Amino acid sequence: MAQTYTIRKATIADVKDIYTLLRGYAEQGVLLGRSLSDLYDQIRDFYVAVDEAGGRMLGICGLHICWEGFAEIRSLAVTAEAKGLGIGRALVEACQNEAIELGSTHLFVLTYVPDFFKTLAFEPVDKAVLPHKVWRDCINCVKFPDCDEESLIKVL
């Protein structure tokens, strides 16, 4: 029997589970970790996928508005046992729909898994196209200026 899940906006009660999921990926070096403080500050940015049977968190994704017309997909993570169920796609689509509702014209991502985003019609783009992202967030990253993430963008 297939696992069923619900995509919904995150709540304050989800923060510790979001933190734990992100921390696991950050420890593997495939995602930037976030502090609890940052997660509480940015809780409105997140969607979560929750198992309908047990209420357990299966995945998360954030939408961050960067600048006029530009929104970013952030912190997409799915639990190991929930991979392959379409949860990542559903989370990105929820963020994309909100970006459109808010008036964004472009959705971008910096990622170590570009092939996943290419299946969702994102296309590679030079980071120079994203100066607000680079100077607002990337400049504070431990990997700056030698970022090895790939940047992709989608016109909405």
Protein backbone atom coordinates (compact mmCIF):
# COMPACT_ATOMS: atom_id res chain seq x y z
CA MET A 1 0.00 0.00 0.00
CA ALA A 2 1.38 3.41 -0.98
CA GLN A 3 2.17 5.91 1.71
CA THR A 4 -0.11 8.93 1.61
CA TYR A 5 0.95 12.37 2.68
CA THR A 6 -0.31 15.92 2.94
CA ILE A 7 1.57 19.07 1.92
CA ARG A 8 0.84 22.02 4.20
CA LYS A 9 2.43 25.21 5.51
CA ALA A 10 4.81 24.61 8.39
CA THR A 11 3.89 25.61 11.93
CA ILE A 12 5.97 26.47 14.96
CA ALA A 13 5.43 22.91 16.21
CA ASP A 14 7.33 21.66 13.12
CA VAL A 15 10.54 23.62 13.73
CA LYS A 16 12.42 20.96 15.68
CA ASP A 17 11.62 18.27 13.10
CA ILE A 18 12.67 20.62 10.29
CA TYR A 19 15.91 21.34 12.15
CA THR A 20 16.63 17.63 12.61
CA LEU A 21 15.99 16.80 8.96
CA LEU A 22 18.16 19.68 7.73
CA ARG A 23 20.93 18.86 10.20
CA GLY A 24 21.21 15.33 8.81
CA TYR A 25 21.69 16.63 5.28
CA ALA A 26 24.06 19.38 6.47
CA GLU A 27 26.24 16.78 8.20
CA GLN A 28 26.51 14.99 4.84
CA GLY A 29 27.57 18.28 3.23
CA VAL A 30 24.72 18.32 0.72
CA LEU A 31 22.64 21.11 2.23
CA LEU A 32 23.35 24.17 4.32
CA GLY A 33 22.18 23.76 7.88
CA ARG A 34 20.01 26.33 9.61
CA SER A 35 19.93 27.33 13.23
CA LEU A 36 16.78 26.92 15.31
CA SER A 37 16.65 30.70 15.56
CA ASP A 38 16.69 31.08 11.77
CA LEU A 39 13.99 28.44 11.39
CA TYR A 40 11.69 30.18 13.86
CA ASP A 41 12.34 33.48 12.09
CA GLN A 42 11.57 31.96 8.69
CA ILE A 43 8.86 29.42 9.55
CA ARG A 44 6.39 31.14 7.21
CA ASP A 45 8.67 30.27 4.29
CA PHE A 46 8.34 26.51 4.74
CA TYR A 47 6.05 23.78 3.51
CA VAL A 48 6.11 20.32 5.03
CA ALA A 49 5.00 16.91 3.82
CA VAL A 50 3.38 14.92 6.61
CA ASP A 51 2.47 11.23 6.67
CA GLU A 52 -1.33 11.04 6.88
CA ALA A 53 -1.28 7.84 8.91
CA GLY A 54 1.09 8.88 11.68
CA GLY A 55 1.63 12.61 11.27
CA ARG A 56 5.38 12.09 10.87
CA MET A 57 7.30 14.67 8.83
CA LEU A 58 8.49 13.25 5.51
CA GLY A 59 9.91 16.33 3.80
CA ILE A 60 10.34 20.08 3.81
CA CYS A 61 10.93 22.91 1.37
CA GLY A 62 11.25 26.65 1.75
CA LEU A 63 10.30 29.53 -0.53
CA HIS A 64 12.25 32.73 -0.07
CA ILE A 65 11.41 35.97 -1.87
CA CYS A 66 14.71 37.58 -2.84
CA TRP A 67 13.95 40.56 -4.98
CA GLU A 68 11.35 41.92 -7.34
CA GLY A 69 10.36 39.00 -9.53
CA PHE A 70 12.83 36.53 -7.99
CA ALA A 71 12.01 33.77 -5.53
CA GLU A 72 14.25 30.95 -4.34
CA ILE A 73 13.64 27.31 -3.47
CA ARG A 74 15.54 26.58 -0.26
CA SER A 75 16.18 23.64 2.03
CA LEU A 76 14.44 20.92 0.04
CA ALA A 77 14.86 17.73 2.03
CA VAL A 78 12.99 14.42 2.10
CA THR A 79 13.53 11.63 4.61
CA ALA A 80 15.42 8.62 3.27
CA GLU A 81 12.42 6.29 3.59
CA ALA A 82 10.14 8.71 1.72
CA LYS A 83 12.34 9.23 -1.34
CA GLY A 84 10.75 8.19 -4.60
CA LEU A 85 7.19 8.98 -3.50
CA GLY A 86 6.99 12.32 -5.34
CA ILE A 87 7.27 14.36 -2.15
CA GLY A 88 10.14 16.54 -3.38
CA ARG A 89 8.23 17.37 -6.54
CA ALA A 90 5.03 18.15 -4.59
CA LEU A 91 6.91 20.42 -2.18
CA VAL A 92 8.59 22.35 -5.00
CA GLU A 93 5.24 22.69 -6.78
CA ALA A 94 3.64 24.09 -3.60
CA CYS A 95 6.42 26.67 -3.35
CA GLN A 96 6.15 27.45 -7.06
CA ASN A 97 2.40 28.03 -6.78
CA GLU A 98 2.92 30.43 -3.88
CA ALA A 99 5.67 32.25 -5.79
CA ILE A 100 3.25 32.77 -8.68
CA GLU A 101 0.50 33.96 -6.31
CA LEU A 102 2.94 36.49 -4.84
CA GLY A 103 3.85 37.80 -8.28
CA SER A 104 7.29 36.27 -8.79
CA THR A 105 8.34 35.82 -12.40
CA HIS A 106 11.43 33.67 -11.78
CA LEU A 107 12.10 30.80 -9.40
CA PHE A 108 15.69 29.72 -8.81
CA VAL A 109 17.65 27.22 -6.77
CA LEU A 110 21.27 26.58 -5.80
CA THR A 111 21.67 22.82 -5.50
CA TYR A 112 23.85 19.74 -5.52
CA VAL A 113 21.11 17.77 -7.31
CA PRO A 114 20.52 19.76 -10.51
CA ASP A 115 19.09 16.78 -12.41
CA PHE A 116 16.08 16.67 -10.08
CA PHE A 117 15.29 20.33 -10.77
CA LYS A 118 15.84 19.90 -14.51
CA THR A 119 12.95 17.39 -14.47
CA LEU A 120 10.82 20.27 -13.14
CA ALA A 121 11.77 22.58 -16.07
CA PHE A 122 14.54 24.47 -14.26
CA GLU A 123 17.46 25.42 -16.50
CA PRO A 124 21.10 26.11 -15.64
CA VAL A 125 21.98 29.77 -15.15
CA ASP A 126 25.16 31.62 -14.29
CA LYS A 127 25.20 32.83 -10.67
CA ALA A 128 25.94 36.32 -12.01
CA VAL A 129 22.25 36.48 -12.98
CA LEU A 130 21.45 36.26 -9.25
CA PRO A 131 23.42 39.16 -7.74
CA HIS A 132 20.98 39.79 -4.90
CA LYS A 133 21.29 36.19 -3.77
CA VAL A 134 25.07 36.21 -4.02
CA TRP A 135 25.56 39.43 -2.07
CA ARG A 136 22.81 38.86 0.47
CA ASP A 137 23.27 35.20 1.42
CA CYS A 138 26.20 33.64 -0.38
CA ILE A 139 28.74 36.15 0.86
CA ASN A 140 28.18 34.80 4.40
CA CYS A 141 28.57 31.15 3.39
CA VAL A 142 31.69 29.21 4.39
CA LYS A 143 32.06 28.09 0.77
CA PHE A 144 32.07 31.62 -0.69
CA PRO A 145 33.51 32.41 -3.22
CA ASP A 146 34.22 28.81 -4.20
CA CYS A 147 30.63 27.61 -4.25
CA ASP A 148 30.20 24.19 -5.81
CA GLU A 149 26.41 24.29 -5.95
CA GLU A 150 24.78 24.62 -9.34
CA SER A 151 22.31 27.42 -9.99
CA LEU A 152 19.16 26.80 -11.99
CA ILE A 153 16.20 29.02 -12.80
CA LYS A 154 12.66 28.64 -14.07
CA VAL A 155 10.56 31.34 -15.70
CA LEU A 156 7.10 31.33 -14.15
